[in-house]
Amino acid sequence: ILLVMGAAMLAGGLRYKEQKFNTEGARAEAGMLTLVAIALILPAAYRVAMGAGAAAGLVPLSLAISVVLLGVYGLFLLYSLRTHAGLFRGSHAAAAGDDEGGHEPWSVARAGGVLLAATVGIAWMSELLVGSIQPAAASLGLGSAFVGVFVVAILGNAAEHATAITVALKNRMDLALSIAIGSSIQVALFVAPVLVLASLAVGPRPMDL
């Protein structure tokens, strides 16, 4: 939100005097972020309120919130891809393919194959990154929080960040906002709850939010 969306707005604003985006779609995404913020604050508020007695109920509370967040994420996908897909297509979609360049659209099979191959490649590169980041961080004296919040977050999503800035430079602020906000929604509504639920089966101690 702070780095990618800010950089996209700055880059697009330097090239174009005014850029437009769909306020309804952005409002829906902002609503999801507000819900996520409340959900992630609840365990911390519970811990402060209960004090030393919060340990026993913190994991069950986190599990319950994680299940709700996953359900909300599924409903948001249905909302954005099916029932209200027009809110997220952007103004550029109405221009009948300004950037198509006369090329035939890919088939579903070809697009799915390329997406699958890219996913496998990214997963392999992520393994290399995770394996090399720990000794590098230790040699540089970097803490785990700094590495997780800044180094891995920036390096791991470099292509996504570059894409958001690139489409903003092409006056497609709808897509730039969707990339930046959608990434945050995906991590908070999907990745974090999945990690909490997966921790039940992996490791000696369940993880809370």
N, C-alpha and C. Protein backbone atom coordinates (compact mmCIF):
# COMPACT_ATOMS: atom_id res chain seq x y z
N ILE A 1 0.83 -1.20 0.00
CA ILE A 1 0.00 0.00 0.00
C ILE A 1 0.87 1.25 0.00
N LEU A 2 1.84 1.33 0.92
CA LEU A 2 2.64 2.54 1.05
C LEU A 2 3.67 2.68 -0.07
N LEU A 3 4.37 1.60 -0.36
CA LEU A 3 5.46 1.68 -1.34
C LEU A 3 4.96 1.56 -2.77
N VAL A 4 4.24 0.48 -3.07
CA VAL A 4 3.86 0.20 -4.45
C VAL A 4 2.81 1.18 -4.96
N MET A 5 1.73 1.37 -4.21
CA MET A 5 0.68 2.29 -4.66
C MET A 5 1.21 3.72 -4.70
N GLY A 6 2.02 4.08 -3.70
CA GLY A 6 2.59 5.42 -3.70
C GLY A 6 3.52 5.65 -4.89
N ALA A 7 4.36 4.67 -5.19
CA ALA A 7 5.27 4.80 -6.34
C ALA A 7 4.49 4.84 -7.65
N ALA A 8 3.42 4.04 -7.75
CA ALA A 8 2.60 4.04 -8.97
C ALA A 8 1.92 5.39 -9.17
N MET A 9 1.37 5.96 -8.10
CA MET A 9 0.72 7.27 -8.20
C MET A 9 1.73 8.36 -8.56
N LEU A 10 2.91 8.29 -7.96
CA LEU A 10 3.94 9.28 -8.26
C LEU A 10 4.38 9.18 -9.72
N ALA A 11 4.66 7.94 -10.18
CA ALA A 11 5.12 7.76 -11.55
C ALA A 11 4.05 8.17 -12.56
N GLY A 12 2.81 7.76 -12.30
CA GLY A 12 1.73 8.14 -13.21
C GLY A 12 1.46 9.63 -13.19
N GLY A 13 1.56 10.24 -12.00
CA GLY A 13 1.30 11.67 -11.88
C GLY A 13 2.36 12.53 -12.54
N LEU A 14 3.57 12.00 -12.63
CA LEU A 14 4.63 12.76 -13.31
C LEU A 14 4.41 12.79 -14.81
N ARG A 15 3.73 11.78 -15.35
CA ARG A 15 3.51 11.71 -16.79
C ARG A 15 2.17 12.32 -17.20
N TYR A 16 1.13 12.12 -16.38
CA TYR A 16 -0.20 12.60 -16.72
C TYR A 16 -0.68 13.60 -15.67
N LYS A 17 -1.34 14.65 -16.13
CA LYS A 17 -1.83 15.67 -15.21
C LYS A 17 -2.93 15.12 -14.32
N GLU A 18 -3.75 14.25 -14.87
CA GLU A 18 -4.87 13.68 -14.11
C GLU A 18 -5.07 12.24 -14.52
N GLN A 19 -5.26 11.36 -13.53
CA GLN A 19 -5.54 9.96 -13.80
C GLN A 19 -6.82 9.55 -13.09
N LYS A 20 -7.59 8.69 -13.74
CA LYS A 20 -8.89 8.30 -13.21
C LYS A 20 -8.89 6.82 -12.84
N PHE A 21 -9.73 6.47 -11.86
CA PHE A 21 -9.94 5.08 -11.50
C PHE A 21 -11.37 4.92 -11.01
N ASN A 22 -11.83 3.68 -10.99
CA ASN A 22 -13.21 3.38 -10.59
C ASN A 22 -13.32 3.48 -9.08
N THR A 23 -14.06 4.46 -8.60
CA THR A 23 -14.16 4.67 -7.15
C THR A 23 -14.93 3.55 -6.45
N GLU A 24 -15.90 2.95 -7.15
CA GLU A 24 -16.68 1.87 -6.52
C GLU A 24 -15.80 0.66 -6.25
N GLY A 25 -14.98 0.28 -7.24
CA GLY A 25 -14.08 -0.84 -7.03
C GLY A 25 -13.05 -0.56 -5.95
N ALA A 26 -12.50 0.65 -5.96
CA ALA A 26 -11.51 1.02 -4.94
C ALA A 26 -12.16 1.05 -3.56
N ARG A 27 -13.41 1.49 -3.47
CA ARG A 27 -14.09 1.53 -2.18
C ARG A 27 -14.33 0.12 -1.65
N ALA A 28 -14.67 -0.80 -2.53
CA ALA A 28 -14.87 -2.19 -2.10
C ALA A 28 -13.56 -2.78 -1.57
N GLU A 29 -12.46 -2.51 -2.25
CA GLU A 29 -11.16 -3.02 -1.80
C GLU A 29 -10.75 -2.36 -0.48
N ALA A 30 -11.01 -1.06 -0.35
CA ALA A 30 -10.70 -0.38 0.90
C ALA A 30 -11.54 -0.93 2.05
N GLY A 31 -12.79 -1.30 1.75
CA GLY A 31 -13.63 -1.92 2.77
C GLY A 31 -13.06 -3.24 3.26
N MET A 32 -12.50 -4.02 2.33
CA MET A 32 -11.85 -5.28 2.72
C MET A 32 -10.65 -5.01 3.62
N LEU A 33 -9.88 -3.99 3.30
CA LEU A 33 -8.72 -3.66 4.13
C LEU A 33 -9.14 -3.21 5.53
N THR A 34 -10.23 -2.47 5.61
CA THR A 34 -10.74 -2.05 6.92
C THR A 34 -11.16 -3.26 7.75
N LEU A 35 -11.85 -4.20 7.11
CA LEU A 35 -12.26 -5.42 7.80
C LEU A 35 -11.05 -6.21 8.29
N VAL A 36 -10.04 -6.29 7.45
CA VAL A 36 -8.81 -7.01 7.81
C VAL A 36 -8.14 -6.34 9.00
N ALA A 37 -8.06 -5.02 8.98
CA ALA A 37 -7.43 -4.30 10.09
C ALA A 37 -8.14 -4.59 11.40
N ILE A 38 -9.47 -4.58 11.38
CA ILE A 38 -10.23 -4.88 12.60
C ILE A 38 -9.98 -6.31 13.05
N ALA A 39 -10.00 -7.24 12.09
CA ALA A 39 -9.82 -8.66 12.43
C ALA A 39 -8.44 -8.93 13.01
N LEU A 40 -7.40 -8.27 12.49
CA LEU A 40 -6.05 -8.50 12.98
C LEU A 40 -5.79 -7.78 14.30
N ILE A 41 -6.56 -6.73 14.59
CA ILE A 41 -6.40 -6.03 15.86
C ILE A 41 -7.08 -6.79 17.01
N LEU A 42 -8.13 -7.56 16.69
CA LEU A 42 -8.90 -8.25 17.74
C LEU A 42 -8.03 -9.14 18.64
N PRO A 43 -7.15 -10.01 18.09
CA PRO A 43 -6.33 -10.82 18.99
C PRO A 43 -5.43 -9.99 19.89
N ALA A 44 -4.88 -8.90 19.35
CA ALA A 44 -4.02 -8.03 20.17
C ALA A 44 -4.84 -7.36 21.27
N ALA A 45 -6.05 -6.90 20.93
CA ALA A 45 -6.91 -6.28 21.94
C ALA A 45 -7.31 -7.30 23.00
N TYR A 46 -7.60 -8.52 22.58
CA TYR A 46 -7.94 -9.59 23.54
C TYR A 46 -6.78 -9.86 24.48
N ARG A 47 -5.58 -9.87 23.93
CA ARG A 47 -4.40 -10.14 24.76
C ARG A 47 -4.19 -9.04 25.80
N VAL A 48 -4.37 -7.79 25.37
CA VAL A 48 -4.22 -6.67 26.31
C VAL A 48 -5.29 -6.72 27.39
N ALA A 49 -6.53 -7.06 26.99
CA ALA A 49 -7.64 -7.06 27.95
C ALA A 49 -7.52 -8.20 28.96
N MET A 50 -7.06 -9.36 28.51
CA MET A 50 -7.01 -10.53 29.38
C MET A 50 -5.70 -10.66 30.14
N GLY A 51 -4.66 -9.98 29.66
CA GLY A 51 -3.37 -10.05 30.34
C GLY A 51 -2.76 -11.42 30.29
N ALA A 52 -2.29 -11.91 31.43
CA ALA A 52 -1.61 -13.20 31.48
C ALA A 52 -2.53 -14.36 31.15
N GLY A 53 -3.83 -14.18 31.31
CA GLY A 53 -4.77 -15.26 31.03
C GLY A 53 -5.18 -15.38 29.59
N ALA A 54 -4.56 -14.59 28.70
CA ALA A 54 -4.96 -14.59 27.29
C ALA A 54 -4.38 -15.76 26.51
N ALA A 55 -3.32 -16.38 27.02
CA ALA A 55 -2.61 -17.41 26.24
C ALA A 55 -3.52 -18.57 25.85
N ALA A 56 -4.38 -19.00 26.77
CA ALA A 56 -5.22 -20.17 26.51
C ALA A 56 -6.24 -19.91 25.40
N GLY A 57 -6.76 -18.69 25.31
CA GLY A 57 -7.81 -18.42 24.33
C GLY A 57 -7.33 -17.76 23.05
N LEU A 58 -6.06 -17.41 22.98
CA LEU A 58 -5.56 -16.66 21.83
C LEU A 58 -5.56 -17.50 20.55
N VAL A 59 -5.12 -18.74 20.65
CA VAL A 59 -5.09 -19.61 19.46
C VAL A 59 -6.49 -19.94 18.97
N PRO A 60 -7.43 -20.36 19.83
CA PRO A 60 -8.81 -20.59 19.33
C PRO A 60 -9.43 -19.34 18.70
N LEU A 61 -9.18 -18.18 19.30
CA LEU A 61 -9.70 -16.94 18.73
C LEU A 61 -9.10 -16.69 17.35
N SER A 62 -7.80 -16.90 17.22
CA SER A 62 -7.13 -16.71 15.93
C SER A 62 -7.65 -17.68 14.88
N LEU A 63 -7.89 -18.92 15.29
CA LEU A 63 -8.43 -19.91 14.35
C LEU A 63 -9.82 -19.51 13.86
N ALA A 64 -10.64 -19.05 14.79
CA ALA A 64 -11.99 -18.63 14.40
C ALA A 64 -11.95 -17.44 13.45
N ILE A 65 -11.10 -16.46 13.74
CA ILE A 65 -10.97 -15.29 12.87
C ILE A 65 -10.43 -15.71 11.51
N SER A 66 -9.48 -16.65 11.48
CA SER A 66 -8.90 -17.10 10.22
C SER A 66 -9.94 -17.76 9.33
N VAL A 67 -10.82 -18.56 9.92
CA VAL A 67 -11.88 -19.20 9.14
C VAL A 67 -12.82 -18.14 8.56
N VAL A 68 -13.15 -17.13 9.37
CA VAL A 68 -14.02 -16.05 8.88
C VAL A 68 -13.35 -15.28 7.75
N LEU A 69 -12.05 -14.98 7.91
CA LEU A 69 -11.33 -14.24 6.88
C LEU A 69 -11.27 -15.01 5.57
N LEU A 70 -11.04 -16.32 5.65
CA LEU A 70 -11.02 -17.13 4.43
C LEU A 70 -12.39 -17.13 3.75
N GLY A 71 -13.45 -17.20 4.55
CA GLY A 71 -14.78 -17.13 3.98
C GLY A 71 -15.05 -15.79 3.31
N VAL A 72 -14.62 -14.71 3.95
CA VAL A 72 -14.78 -13.38 3.36
C VAL A 72 -13.98 -13.26 2.07
N TYR A 73 -12.77 -13.84 2.07
CA TYR A 73 -11.94 -13.80 0.85
C TYR A 73 -12.64 -14.52 -0.31
N GLY A 74 -13.23 -15.68 -0.03
CA GLY A 74 -13.97 -16.39 -1.06
C GLY A 74 -15.15 -15.58 -1.59
N LEU A 75 -15.88 -14.94 -0.69
CA LEU A 75 -17.02 -14.11 -1.11
C LEU A 75 -16.54 -12.89 -1.90
N PHE A 76 -15.38 -12.32 -1.50
CA PHE A 76 -14.86 -11.18 -2.24
C PHE A 76 -14.43 -11.57 -3.65
N LEU A 77 -13.86 -12.78 -3.79
CA LEU A 77 -13.53 -13.26 -5.13
C LEU A 77 -14.79 -13.41 -5.98
N LEU A 78 -15.85 -13.96 -5.40
CA LEU A 78 -17.12 -14.09 -6.11
C LEU A 78 -17.66 -12.72 -6.51
N TYR A 79 -17.55 -11.77 -5.60
CA TYR A 79 -18.02 -10.41 -5.85
C TYR A 79 -17.23 -9.74 -6.97
N SER A 80 -15.90 -9.87 -6.93
CA SER A 80 -15.06 -9.15 -7.89
C SER A 80 -14.93 -9.84 -9.24
N LEU A 81 -15.12 -11.16 -9.27
CA LEU A 81 -14.95 -11.90 -10.52
C LEU A 81 -16.27 -12.26 -11.19
N ARG A 82 -17.35 -12.30 -10.42
CA ARG A 82 -18.63 -12.74 -10.97
C ARG A 82 -19.71 -11.67 -10.89
N THR A 83 -20.19 -11.43 -9.67
CA THR A 83 -21.40 -10.62 -9.53
C THR A 83 -21.19 -9.15 -9.87
N HIS A 84 -20.00 -8.60 -9.57
CA HIS A 84 -19.73 -7.19 -9.84
C HIS A 84 -18.39 -7.02 -10.56
N ALA A 85 -18.16 -7.87 -11.52
CA ALA A 85 -16.87 -7.85 -12.23
C ALA A 85 -16.64 -6.53 -12.95
N GLY A 86 -17.71 -5.85 -13.35
CA GLY A 86 -17.57 -4.59 -14.08
C GLY A 86 -16.89 -3.51 -13.27
N LEU A 87 -17.00 -3.58 -11.94
CA LEU A 87 -16.36 -2.57 -11.10
C LEU A 87 -14.85 -2.68 -11.13
N PHE A 88 -14.33 -3.85 -11.50
CA PHE A 88 -12.90 -4.09 -11.42
C PHE A 88 -12.24 -4.22 -12.79
N ARG A 89 -13.02 -4.03 -13.86
CA ARG A 89 -12.42 -4.07 -15.19
C ARG A 89 -11.69 -2.78 -15.50
N GLY A 90 -12.16 -1.68 -14.96
CA GLY A 90 -11.49 -0.40 -15.18
C GLY A 90 -11.97 0.30 -16.44
N SER A 91 -11.68 1.57 -16.51
CA SER A 91 -12.10 2.37 -17.66
C SER A 91 -11.39 1.95 -18.93
N HIS A 92 -10.20 1.36 -18.79
CA HIS A 92 -9.44 0.96 -19.96
C HIS A 92 -10.14 -0.15 -20.74
N ALA A 93 -10.90 -0.99 -20.04
CA ALA A 93 -11.58 -2.10 -20.70
C ALA A 93 -12.62 -1.60 -21.68
N ALA A 94 -13.20 -0.43 -21.41
CA ALA A 94 -14.23 0.12 -22.30
C ALA A 94 -13.65 0.70 -23.57
N ALA A 95 -12.35 0.86 -23.61
CA ALA A 95 -11.71 1.45 -24.78
C ALA A 95 -11.47 0.44 -25.89
N ALA A 96 -12.03 -0.75 -25.74
CA ALA A 96 -11.98 -1.79 -26.78
C ALA A 96 -10.56 -2.13 -27.18
N GLY A 97 -9.73 -2.32 -26.18
CA GLY A 97 -8.40 -2.86 -26.44
C GLY A 97 -7.43 -1.87 -27.02
N ASP A 98 -7.14 -0.79 -26.30
CA ASP A 98 -6.17 0.19 -26.78
C ASP A 98 -4.78 -0.42 -26.95
N ASP A 99 -4.42 -1.37 -26.06
CA ASP A 99 -3.08 -1.94 -26.09
C ASP A 99 -3.04 -3.33 -26.72
N GLU A 100 -4.10 -3.74 -27.37
CA GLU A 100 -4.14 -5.09 -27.92
C GLU A 100 -3.17 -5.26 -29.08
N GLY A 101 -3.02 -4.21 -29.88
CA GLY A 101 -2.07 -4.27 -30.99
C GLY A 101 -2.45 -5.28 -32.06
N GLY A 102 -3.73 -5.66 -32.14
CA GLY A 102 -4.17 -6.58 -33.17
C GLY A 102 -3.84 -8.03 -32.88
N HIS A 103 -3.34 -8.37 -31.71
CA HIS A 103 -2.99 -9.74 -31.40
C HIS A 103 -4.22 -10.53 -30.98
N GLU A 104 -4.23 -11.80 -31.35
CA GLU A 104 -5.31 -12.68 -30.92
C GLU A 104 -5.17 -12.98 -29.43
N PRO A 105 -6.27 -13.00 -28.69
CA PRO A 105 -6.18 -13.35 -27.26
C PRO A 105 -5.79 -14.82 -27.09
N TRP A 106 -5.09 -15.10 -26.00
CA TRP A 106 -4.68 -16.48 -25.72
C TRP A 106 -5.89 -17.33 -25.35
N SER A 107 -5.78 -18.61 -25.64
CA SER A 107 -6.80 -19.55 -25.19
C SER A 107 -6.63 -19.79 -23.69
N VAL A 108 -7.68 -20.32 -23.07
CA VAL A 108 -7.62 -20.60 -21.64
C VAL A 108 -6.52 -21.61 -21.31
N ALA A 109 -6.38 -22.61 -22.17
CA ALA A 109 -5.36 -23.64 -21.94
C ALA A 109 -3.96 -23.06 -22.00
N ARG A 110 -3.70 -22.22 -23.00
CA ARG A 110 -2.37 -21.63 -23.13
C ARG A 110 -2.07 -20.69 -21.97
N ALA A 111 -3.04 -19.84 -21.62
CA ALA A 111 -2.84 -18.92 -20.51
C ALA A 111 -2.64 -19.68 -19.20
N GLY A 112 -3.43 -20.73 -18.99
CA GLY A 112 -3.28 -21.54 -17.78
C GLY A 112 -1.93 -22.23 -17.72
N GLY A 113 -1.45 -22.72 -18.87
CA GLY A 113 -0.14 -23.37 -18.91
C GLY A 113 1.00 -22.42 -18.58
N VAL A 114 0.93 -21.21 -19.16
CA VAL A 114 1.96 -20.21 -18.88
C VAL A 114 1.92 -19.81 -17.41
N LEU A 115 0.70 -19.63 -16.87
CA LEU A 115 0.56 -19.27 -15.47
C LEU A 115 1.12 -20.36 -14.56
N LEU A 116 0.84 -21.62 -14.90
CA LEU A 116 1.35 -22.73 -14.09
C LEU A 116 2.87 -22.79 -14.13
N ALA A 117 3.44 -22.63 -15.33
CA ALA A 117 4.91 -22.65 -15.46
C ALA A 117 5.54 -21.50 -14.69
N ALA A 118 4.93 -20.32 -14.76
CA ALA A 118 5.46 -19.16 -14.03
C ALA A 118 5.36 -19.39 -12.52
N THR A 119 4.27 -20.02 -12.07
CA THR A 119 4.10 -20.29 -10.65
C THR A 119 5.18 -21.25 -10.14
N VAL A 120 5.45 -22.29 -10.92
CA VAL A 120 6.50 -23.25 -10.54
C VAL A 120 7.86 -22.56 -10.48
N GLY A 121 8.14 -21.72 -11.48
CA GLY A 121 9.41 -21.00 -11.48
C GLY A 121 9.56 -20.06 -10.30
N ILE A 122 8.48 -19.36 -9.96
CA ILE A 122 8.52 -18.43 -8.83
C ILE A 122 8.69 -19.20 -7.52
N ALA A 123 8.00 -20.34 -7.39
CA ALA A 123 8.14 -21.15 -6.18
C ALA A 123 9.59 -21.62 -6.01
N TRP A 124 10.21 -22.02 -7.10
CA TRP A 124 11.61 -22.46 -7.04
C TRP A 124 12.53 -21.30 -6.65
N MET A 125 12.31 -20.14 -7.24
CA MET A 125 13.12 -18.97 -6.91
C MET A 125 12.89 -18.54 -5.46
N SER A 126 11.66 -18.70 -4.97
CA SER A 126 11.38 -18.36 -3.57
C SER A 126 12.16 -19.26 -2.63
N GLU A 127 12.26 -20.53 -2.97
CA GLU A 127 13.06 -21.45 -2.16
C GLU A 127 14.51 -21.00 -2.11
N LEU A 128 15.05 -20.60 -3.25
CA LEU A 128 16.43 -20.10 -3.29
C LEU A 128 16.58 -18.85 -2.44
N LEU A 129 15.59 -17.95 -2.53
CA LEU A 129 15.65 -16.71 -1.77
C LEU A 129 15.63 -16.99 -0.27
N VAL A 130 14.69 -17.85 0.16
CA VAL A 130 14.57 -18.15 1.58
C VAL A 130 15.84 -18.84 2.09
N GLY A 131 16.41 -19.72 1.27
CA GLY A 131 17.61 -20.42 1.69
C GLY A 131 18.82 -19.53 1.82
N SER A 132 18.87 -18.48 1.01
CA SER A 132 20.05 -17.61 1.02
C SER A 132 19.89 -16.39 1.92
N ILE A 133 18.65 -16.04 2.29
CA ILE A 133 18.43 -14.81 3.03
C ILE A 133 18.89 -14.93 4.48
N GLN A 134 18.77 -16.12 5.08
CA GLN A 134 19.14 -16.27 6.49
C GLN A 134 20.63 -16.08 6.74
N PRO A 135 21.51 -16.77 5.99
CA PRO A 135 22.94 -16.50 6.22
C PRO A 135 23.35 -15.08 5.85
N ALA A 136 22.72 -14.51 4.82
CA ALA A 136 23.05 -13.14 4.44
C ALA A 136 22.62 -12.16 5.53
N ALA A 137 21.43 -12.38 6.09
CA ALA A 137 20.95 -11.50 7.16
C ALA A 137 21.83 -11.63 8.40
N ALA A 138 22.26 -12.85 8.70
CA ALA A 138 23.12 -13.06 9.87
C ALA A 138 24.46 -12.36 9.70
N SER A 139 25.02 -12.42 8.49
CA SER A 139 26.32 -11.79 8.26
C SER A 139 26.24 -10.27 8.28
N LEU A 140 25.07 -9.73 7.90
CA LEU A 140 24.89 -8.28 7.88
C LEU A 140 24.31 -7.75 9.19
N GLY A 141 23.93 -8.65 10.09
CA GLY A 141 23.37 -8.23 11.37
C GLY A 141 21.95 -7.71 11.28
N LEU A 142 21.16 -8.23 10.32
CA LEU A 142 19.79 -7.77 10.15
C LEU A 142 18.85 -8.66 10.96
N GLY A 143 17.87 -8.05 11.63
CA GLY A 143 16.90 -8.79 12.41
C GLY A 143 15.85 -9.44 11.54
N SER A 144 15.15 -10.43 12.10
CA SER A 144 14.12 -11.15 11.35
C SER A 144 12.98 -10.23 10.92
N ALA A 145 12.59 -9.31 11.80
CA ALA A 145 11.49 -8.40 11.47
C ALA A 145 11.86 -7.51 10.28
N PHE A 146 13.09 -6.98 10.28
CA PHE A 146 13.51 -6.12 9.16
C PHE A 146 13.57 -6.92 7.86
N VAL A 147 14.11 -8.13 7.94
CA VAL A 147 14.21 -8.97 6.74
C VAL A 147 12.83 -9.29 6.19
N GLY A 148 11.89 -9.65 7.09
CA GLY A 148 10.56 -10.02 6.64
C GLY A 148 9.76 -8.85 6.09
N VAL A 149 9.84 -7.70 6.77
CA VAL A 149 9.01 -6.56 6.39
C VAL A 149 9.56 -5.84 5.16
N PHE A 150 10.89 -5.78 5.04
CA PHE A 150 11.48 -4.98 3.96
C PHE A 150 12.16 -5.83 2.89
N VAL A 151 13.15 -6.62 3.27
CA VAL A 151 13.98 -7.30 2.27
C VAL A 151 13.16 -8.31 1.47
N VAL A 152 12.56 -9.29 2.18
CA VAL A 152 11.80 -10.33 1.47
C VAL A 152 10.57 -9.74 0.80
N ALA A 153 9.90 -8.79 1.47
CA ALA A 153 8.69 -8.21 0.89
C ALA A 153 8.98 -7.49 -0.43
N ILE A 154 10.11 -6.81 -0.51
CA ILE A 154 10.45 -6.07 -1.73
C ILE A 154 11.00 -7.01 -2.80
N LEU A 155 11.96 -7.85 -2.43
CA LEU A 155 12.57 -8.73 -3.41
C LEU A 155 11.59 -9.79 -3.91
N GLY A 156 10.78 -10.32 -2.99
CA GLY A 156 9.86 -11.37 -3.37
C GLY A 156 8.75 -10.92 -4.30
N ASN A 157 8.42 -9.64 -4.29
CA ASN A 157 7.33 -9.13 -5.12
C ASN A 157 7.82 -8.06 -6.10
N ALA A 158 9.09 -8.13 -6.47
CA ALA A 158 9.66 -7.10 -7.33
C ALA A 158 8.92 -6.99 -8.67
N ALA A 159 8.59 -8.15 -9.26
CA ALA A 159 7.90 -8.13 -10.56
C ALA A 159 6.52 -7.49 -10.44
N GLU A 160 5.82 -7.82 -9.35
CA GLU A 160 4.49 -7.24 -9.12
C GLU A 160 4.59 -5.73 -8.92
N HIS A 161 5.59 -5.30 -8.15
CA HIS A 161 5.76 -3.87 -7.93
C HIS A 161 6.06 -3.14 -9.24
N ALA A 162 6.94 -3.72 -10.03
CA ALA A 162 7.30 -3.10 -11.32
C ALA A 162 6.09 -3.02 -12.24
N THR A 163 5.24 -4.05 -12.22
CA THR A 163 4.06 -4.05 -13.07
C THR A 163 3.10 -2.93 -12.69
N ALA A 164 2.89 -2.74 -11.40
CA ALA A 164 1.99 -1.68 -10.95
C ALA A 164 2.47 -0.31 -11.42
N ILE A 165 3.76 -0.06 -11.32
CA ILE A 165 4.32 1.22 -11.76
C ILE A 165 4.23 1.35 -13.27
N THR A 166 4.50 0.25 -13.98
CA THR A 166 4.46 0.28 -15.44
C THR A 166 3.07 0.60 -15.97
N VAL A 167 2.04 -0.04 -15.41
CA VAL A 167 0.69 0.22 -15.90
C VAL A 167 0.23 1.62 -15.51
N ALA A 168 0.72 2.16 -14.39
CA ALA A 168 0.40 3.54 -14.03
C ALA A 168 1.00 4.50 -15.05
N LEU A 169 2.20 4.19 -15.55
CA LEU A 169 2.83 5.01 -16.59
C LEU A 169 2.07 4.93 -17.91
N LYS A 170 1.26 3.88 -18.07
CA LYS A 170 0.43 3.73 -19.27
C LYS A 170 -0.98 4.27 -19.04
N ASN A 171 -1.16 5.03 -17.96
CA ASN A 171 -2.44 5.67 -17.63
C ASN A 171 -3.53 4.64 -17.32
N ARG A 172 -3.14 3.54 -16.69
CA ARG A 172 -4.11 2.53 -16.28
C ARG A 172 -4.09 2.42 -14.75
N MET A 173 -4.53 3.49 -14.12
CA MET A 173 -4.47 3.56 -12.66
C MET A 173 -5.41 2.55 -12.00
N ASP A 174 -6.50 2.17 -12.67
CA ASP A 174 -7.38 1.12 -12.16
C ASP A 174 -6.59 -0.15 -11.88
N LEU A 175 -5.80 -0.56 -12.87
CA LEU A 175 -5.03 -1.79 -12.73
C LEU A 175 -3.93 -1.63 -11.70
N ALA A 176 -3.28 -0.48 -11.67
CA ALA A 176 -2.23 -0.24 -10.68
C ALA A 176 -2.77 -0.33 -9.25
N LEU A 177 -3.94 0.26 -9.02
CA LEU A 177 -4.56 0.20 -7.69
C LEU A 177 -4.97 -1.23 -7.34
N SER A 178 -5.50 -1.95 -8.33
CA SER A 178 -5.91 -3.33 -8.08
C SER A 178 -4.71 -4.20 -7.72
N ILE A 179 -3.58 -3.97 -8.37
CA ILE A 179 -2.38 -4.75 -8.06
C ILE A 179 -1.91 -4.46 -6.64
N ALA A 180 -1.81 -3.18 -6.30
CA ALA A 180 -1.28 -2.80 -4.99
C ALA A 180 -2.22 -3.20 -3.85
N ILE A 181 -3.50 -2.83 -3.98
CA ILE A 181 -4.45 -3.12 -2.90
C ILE A 181 -4.79 -4.61 -2.88
N GLY A 182 -4.93 -5.20 -4.08
CA GLY A 182 -5.26 -6.62 -4.14
C GLY A 182 -4.21 -7.51 -3.52
N SER A 183 -2.95 -7.12 -3.67
CA SER A 183 -1.87 -7.89 -3.05
C SER A 183 -1.98 -7.86 -1.53
N SER A 184 -2.27 -6.70 -0.98
CA SER A 184 -2.43 -6.58 0.48
C SER A 184 -3.63 -7.38 0.97
N ILE A 185 -4.74 -7.32 0.22
CA ILE A 185 -5.93 -8.08 0.59
C ILE A 185 -5.64 -9.57 0.56
N GLN A 186 -4.93 -10.01 -0.46
CA GLN A 186 -4.63 -11.44 -0.60
C GLN A 186 -3.78 -11.95 0.55
N VAL A 187 -2.78 -11.17 0.94
CA VAL A 187 -1.92 -11.59 2.06
C VAL A 187 -2.71 -11.63 3.36
N ALA A 188 -3.51 -10.60 3.61
CA ALA A 188 -4.21 -10.50 4.89
C ALA A 188 -5.42 -11.42 4.99
N LEU A 189 -6.16 -11.58 3.89
CA LEU A 189 -7.39 -12.38 3.93
C LEU A 189 -7.14 -13.85 3.62
N PHE A 190 -6.05 -14.15 2.90
CA PHE A 190 -5.82 -15.53 2.48
C PHE A 190 -4.55 -16.13 3.07
N VAL A 191 -3.41 -15.47 2.85
CA VAL A 191 -2.14 -16.07 3.25
C VAL A 191 -2.03 -16.20 4.77
N ALA A 192 -2.31 -15.11 5.50
CA ALA A 192 -2.19 -15.16 6.96
C ALA A 192 -3.12 -16.20 7.59
N PRO A 193 -4.41 -16.25 7.22
CA PRO A 193 -5.26 -17.30 7.79
C PRO A 193 -4.81 -18.71 7.44
N VAL A 194 -4.33 -18.91 6.20
CA VAL A 194 -3.84 -20.24 5.82
C VAL A 194 -2.64 -20.64 6.67
N LEU A 195 -1.76 -19.69 6.96
CA LEU A 195 -0.61 -19.99 7.81
C LEU A 195 -1.05 -20.39 9.21
N VAL A 196 -2.04 -19.68 9.74
CA VAL A 196 -2.54 -20.01 11.08
C VAL A 196 -3.13 -21.41 11.10
N LEU A 197 -3.95 -21.75 10.09
CA LEU A 197 -4.57 -23.07 10.04
C LEU A 197 -3.53 -24.15 9.77
N ALA A 198 -2.55 -23.87 8.91
CA ALA A 198 -1.51 -24.86 8.60
C ALA A 198 -0.63 -25.14 9.80
N SER A 199 -0.50 -24.15 10.69
CA SER A 199 0.35 -24.34 11.86
C SER A 199 -0.19 -25.41 12.81
N LEU A 200 -1.46 -25.77 12.66
CA LEU A 200 -2.02 -26.84 13.48
C LEU A 200 -1.37 -28.18 13.16
N ALA A 201 -0.98 -28.33 11.89
CA ALA A 201 -0.40 -29.60 11.46
C ALA A 201 1.13 -29.55 11.36
N VAL A 202 1.68 -28.35 11.37
CA VAL A 202 3.13 -28.20 11.21
C VAL A 202 3.71 -27.52 12.44
N GLY A 203 4.72 -28.10 12.99
CA GLY A 203 5.39 -27.47 14.12
C GLY A 203 4.80 -27.88 15.46
N PRO A 204 5.55 -27.67 16.51
CA PRO A 204 5.11 -28.09 17.84
C PRO A 204 4.06 -27.18 18.46
N ARG A 205 3.93 -25.95 17.97
CA ARG A 205 3.05 -24.99 18.63
C ARG A 205 2.22 -24.24 17.58
N PRO A 206 0.89 -24.24 17.71
CA PRO A 206 0.06 -23.50 16.74
C PRO A 206 0.39 -22.00 16.76
N MET A 207 0.25 -21.38 15.61
CA MET A 207 0.53 -19.96 15.48
C MET A 207 -0.76 -19.17 15.64
N ASP A 208 -0.69 -18.03 16.29
CA ASP A 208 -1.85 -17.15 16.39
C ASP A 208 -1.63 -15.91 15.52
N LEU A 209 -2.67 -15.12 15.39
CA LEU A 209 -2.58 -13.94 14.53
C LEU A 209 -1.77 -12.83 15.17
